Amino acid sequence: MTDDSGLTAARSRAREVRSLYEQLEGRLLGRTWTLPELALGFTHDAATVGRLVLAAERTWDIDGDTDAELRHKLAECLWWLFVLADRLDVDLPEAYGATMDRIGDGLRRAVDEDPG
């Protein structure tokens, strides 16, 4: 069983930050972002991670510190996942633990199989 205490704390921080964004959105837009807008924000940042990975491999040129940008965007993508999971009523720490247990069990069985 996977310990999800770190993910639970991360989810709590993500909720705090999202609440601040919602206050700002309310002031600037008169509403908070919709689920499709949130999903689009995530996909934009995930695509940026792809470009930053290329930059880290020196196949895509960017302005700025690639390592710092990559750390930032990976953290933002994790934040987006918590935000989306909350909006979709998915307990991400539980889902992650259950998924890793299932995948890990299957992989252990495959590794332990006698190939001959």
C-alpha atoms as a PDB file:
ATOM      1  CA  MET A   1       0.000   0.000   0.000  1.00  0.00           C
ATOM      2  CA  THR A   2       1.357   3.428  -0.976  1.00  0.00           C
ATOM      3  CA  ASP A   3       1.719   6.097   1.731  1.00  0.00           C
ATOM      4  CA  ASP A   4      -0.211   9.128   0.473  1.00  0.00           C
ATOM      5  CA  SER A   5       0.565  11.571   3.309  1.00  0.00           C
ATOM      6  CA  GLY A   6       2.822  13.675   1.073  1.00  0.00           C
ATOM      7  CA  LEU A   7       0.174  13.779  -1.631  1.00  0.00           C
ATOM      8  CA  THR A   8      -2.478  14.696   0.916  1.00  0.00           C
ATOM      9  CA  ALA A   9      -0.361  17.633   2.106  1.00  0.00           C
ATOM     10  CA  ALA A  10       0.298  18.652  -1.520  1.00  0.00           C
ATOM     11  CA  ARG A  11      -3.439  18.526  -2.235  1.00  0.00           C
ATOM     12  CA  SER A  12      -4.085  20.810   0.721  1.00  0.00           C
ATOM     13  CA  ARG A  13      -1.509  23.343  -0.541  1.00  0.00           C
ATOM     14  CA  ALA A  14      -2.978  23.133  -4.045  1.00  0.00           C
ATOM     15  CA  ARG A  15      -6.421  23.896  -2.640  1.00  0.00           C
ATOM     16  CA  GLU A  16      -5.075  26.940  -0.775  1.00  0.00           C
ATOM     17  CA  VAL A  17      -3.472  28.328  -3.929  1.00  0.00           C
ATOM     18  CA  ARG A  18      -6.563  27.578  -6.025  1.00  0.00           C
ATOM     19  CA  SER A  19      -8.696  29.477  -3.494  1.00  0.00           C
ATOM     20  CA  LEU A  20      -6.477  32.529  -3.964  1.00  0.00           C
ATOM     21  CA  TYR A  21      -6.792  32.239  -7.745  1.00  0.00           C
ATOM     22  CA  GLU A  22     -10.576  32.009  -7.383  1.00  0.00           C
ATOM     23  CA  GLN A  23     -10.627  35.240  -5.384  1.00  0.00           C
ATOM     24  CA  LEU A  24      -8.585  36.970  -8.072  1.00  0.00           C
ATOM     25  CA  GLU A  25     -10.723  35.523 -10.878  1.00  0.00           C
ATOM     26  CA  GLY A  26     -13.843  36.723  -9.114  1.00  0.00           C
ATOM     27  CA  ARG A  27     -12.429  40.222  -8.897  1.00  0.00           C
ATOM     28  CA  LEU A  28     -11.103  40.338 -12.473  1.00  0.00           C
ATOM     29  CA  LEU A  29     -13.641  38.188 -14.340  1.00  0.00           C
ATOM     30  CA  GLY A  30     -16.687  38.217 -12.115  1.00  0.00           C
ATOM     31  CA  ARG A  31     -16.532  34.412 -12.024  1.00  0.00           C
ATOM     32  CA  THR A  32     -14.112  31.542 -11.543  1.00  0.00           C
ATOM     33  CA  TRP A  33     -12.640  29.464 -14.319  1.00  0.00           C
ATOM     34  CA  THR A  34     -14.774  26.658 -15.728  1.00  0.00           C
ATOM     35  CA  LEU A  35     -13.629  23.055 -15.818  1.00  0.00           C
ATOM     36  CA  PRO A  36     -12.719  23.294 -19.542  1.00  0.00           C
ATOM     37  CA  GLU A  37     -10.682  26.444 -18.840  1.00  0.00           C
ATOM     38  CA  LEU A  38      -8.840  24.651 -16.052  1.00  0.00           C
ATOM     39  CA  ALA A  39      -8.167  21.684 -18.328  1.00  0.00           C
ATOM     40  CA  LEU A  40      -6.828  24.012 -21.007  1.00  0.00           C
ATOM     41  CA  GLY A  41      -4.520  25.653 -18.472  1.00  0.00           C
ATOM     42  CA  PHE A  42      -3.158  22.222 -17.556  1.00  0.00           C
ATOM     43  CA  THR A  43      -2.618  21.149 -21.160  1.00  0.00           C
ATOM     44  CA  HIS A  44      -0.833  24.423 -21.921  1.00  0.00           C
ATOM     45  CA  ASP A  45       1.591  23.874 -19.037  1.00  0.00           C
ATOM     46  CA  ALA A  46       2.029  20.188 -19.914  1.00  0.00           C
ATOM     47  CA  ALA A  47       2.982  21.186 -23.470  1.00  0.00           C
ATOM     48  CA  THR A  48       5.481  23.649 -22.019  1.00  0.00           C
ATOM     49  CA  VAL A  49       7.017  20.778 -20.040  1.00  0.00           C
ATOM     50  CA  GLY A  50       7.497  18.970 -23.341  1.00  0.00           C
ATOM     51  CA  ARG A  51       9.347  21.946 -24.788  1.00  0.00           C
ATOM     52  CA  LEU A  52      11.459  22.263 -21.648  1.00  0.00           C
ATOM     53  CA  VAL A  53      12.421  18.590 -21.825  1.00  0.00           C
ATOM     54  CA  LEU A  54      13.587  19.239 -25.382  1.00  0.00           C
ATOM     55  CA  ALA A  55      15.531  22.257 -24.102  1.00  0.00           C
ATOM     56  CA  ALA A  56      17.117  20.113 -21.377  1.00  0.00           C
ATOM     57  CA  GLU A  57      18.226  17.719 -24.124  1.00  0.00           C
ATOM     58  CA  ARG A  58      19.493  20.709 -26.136  1.00  0.00           C
ATOM     59  CA  THR A  59      17.127  20.144 -29.057  1.00  0.00           C
ATOM     60  CA  TRP A  60      14.936  23.203 -28.359  1.00  0.00           C
ATOM     61  CA  ASP A  61      16.289  26.626 -27.498  1.00  0.00           C
ATOM     62  CA  ILE A  62      14.586  28.719 -24.806  1.00  0.00           C
ATOM     63  CA  ASP A  63      15.341  31.990 -23.095  1.00  0.00           C
ATOM     64  CA  GLY A  64      16.110  31.641 -19.412  1.00  0.00           C
ATOM     65  CA  ASP A  65      17.194  28.915 -17.027  1.00  0.00           C
ATOM     66  CA  THR A  66      15.942  25.595 -18.382  1.00  0.00           C
ATOM     67  CA  ASP A  67      16.331  23.763 -15.072  1.00  0.00           C
ATOM     68  CA  ALA A  68      14.475  26.426 -13.091  1.00  0.00           C
ATOM     69  CA  GLU A  69      11.707  26.618 -15.693  1.00  0.00           C
ATOM     70  CA  LEU A  70      11.367  22.833 -15.773  1.00  0.00           C
ATOM     71  CA  ARG A  71      11.098  22.614 -11.985  1.00  0.00           C
ATOM     72  CA  HIS A  72       8.469  25.351 -12.025  1.00  0.00           C
ATOM     73  CA  LYS A  73       6.349  23.847 -14.808  1.00  0.00           C
ATOM     74  CA  LEU A  74       6.498  20.308 -13.397  1.00  0.00           C
ATOM     75  CA  ALA A  75       5.303  21.667 -10.045  1.00  0.00           C
ATOM     76  CA  GLU A  76       2.542  23.636 -11.778  1.00  0.00           C
ATOM     77  CA  CYS A  77       1.413  20.514 -13.639  1.00  0.00           C
ATOM     78  CA  LEU A  78       1.154  18.662 -10.347  1.00  0.00           C
ATOM     79  CA  TRP A  79      -0.890  21.570  -8.985  1.00  0.00           C
ATOM     80  CA  TRP A  80      -3.190  21.461 -12.026  1.00  0.00           C
ATOM     81  CA  LEU A  81      -3.774  17.733 -11.474  1.00  0.00           C
ATOM     82  CA  PHE A  82      -4.930  18.379  -7.924  1.00  0.00           C
ATOM     83  CA  VAL A  83      -7.165  21.226  -9.098  1.00  0.00           C
ATOM     84  CA  LEU A  84      -8.740  19.098 -11.834  1.00  0.00           C
ATOM     85  CA  ALA A  85      -9.139  16.122  -9.518  1.00  0.00           C
ATOM     86  CA  ASP A  86     -10.951  18.300  -6.977  1.00  0.00           C
ATOM     87  CA  ARG A  87     -13.327  19.655  -9.616  1.00  0.00           C
ATOM     88  CA  LEU A  88     -14.017  16.103 -10.843  1.00  0.00           C
ATOM     89  CA  ASP A  89     -14.427  14.640  -7.321  1.00  0.00           C
ATOM     90  CA  VAL A  90     -11.403  12.363  -7.691  1.00  0.00           C
ATOM     91  CA  ASP A  91      -9.436  11.649  -4.510  1.00  0.00           C
ATOM     92  CA  LEU A  92      -6.050  11.907  -6.208  1.00  0.00           C
ATOM     93  CA  PRO A  93      -3.927  10.595  -3.303  1.00  0.00           C
ATOM     94  CA  GLU A  94      -6.184   7.539  -3.044  1.00  0.00           C
ATOM     95  CA  ALA A  95      -6.340   7.061  -6.817  1.00  0.00           C
ATOM     96  CA  TYR A  96      -2.567   7.365  -7.097  1.00  0.00           C
ATOM     97  CA  GLY A  97      -1.968   4.834  -4.322  1.00  0.00           C
ATOM     98  CA  ALA A  98      -4.453   2.337  -5.737  1.00  0.00           C
ATOM     99  CA  THR A  99      -3.099   2.756  -9.276  1.00  0.00           C
ATOM    100  CA  MET A 100       0.540   2.345  -8.242  1.00  0.00           C
ATOM    101  CA  ASP A 101      -0.379  -0.729  -6.162  1.00  0.00           C
ATOM    102  CA  ARG A 102      -2.186  -2.297  -9.123  1.00  0.00           C
ATOM    103  CA  ILE A 103       0.564  -1.470 -11.626  1.00  0.00           C
ATOM    104  CA  GLY A 104       3.318  -2.502  -9.216  1.00  0.00           C
ATOM    105  CA  ASP A 105       1.630  -5.840  -8.470  1.00  0.00           C
ATOM    106  CA  GLY A 106       1.252  -6.560 -12.179  1.00  0.00           C
ATOM    107  CA  LEU A 107       4.866  -5.644 -12.883  1.00  0.00           C
ATOM    108  CA  ARG A 108       6.132  -7.784  -9.982  1.00  0.00           C
ATOM    109  CA  ARG A 109       4.198 -10.742 -11.355  1.00  0.00           C
ATOM    110  CA  ALA A 110       5.633 -10.137 -14.831  1.00  0.00           C
ATOM    111  CA  VAL A 111       9.186  -9.810 -13.497  1.00  0.00           C
ATOM    112  CA  ASP A 112       8.808 -12.951 -11.380  1.00  0.00           C
ATOM    113  CA  GLU A 113       7.454 -15.065 -14.265  1.00  0.00           C
ATOM    114  CA  ASP A 114       9.689 -17.828 -15.512  1.00  0.00           C
ATOM    115  CA  PRO A 115      10.471 -16.927 -19.148  1.00  0.00           C
ATOM    116  CA  GLY A 116      11.297 -20.472 -20.122  1.00  0.00           C
END
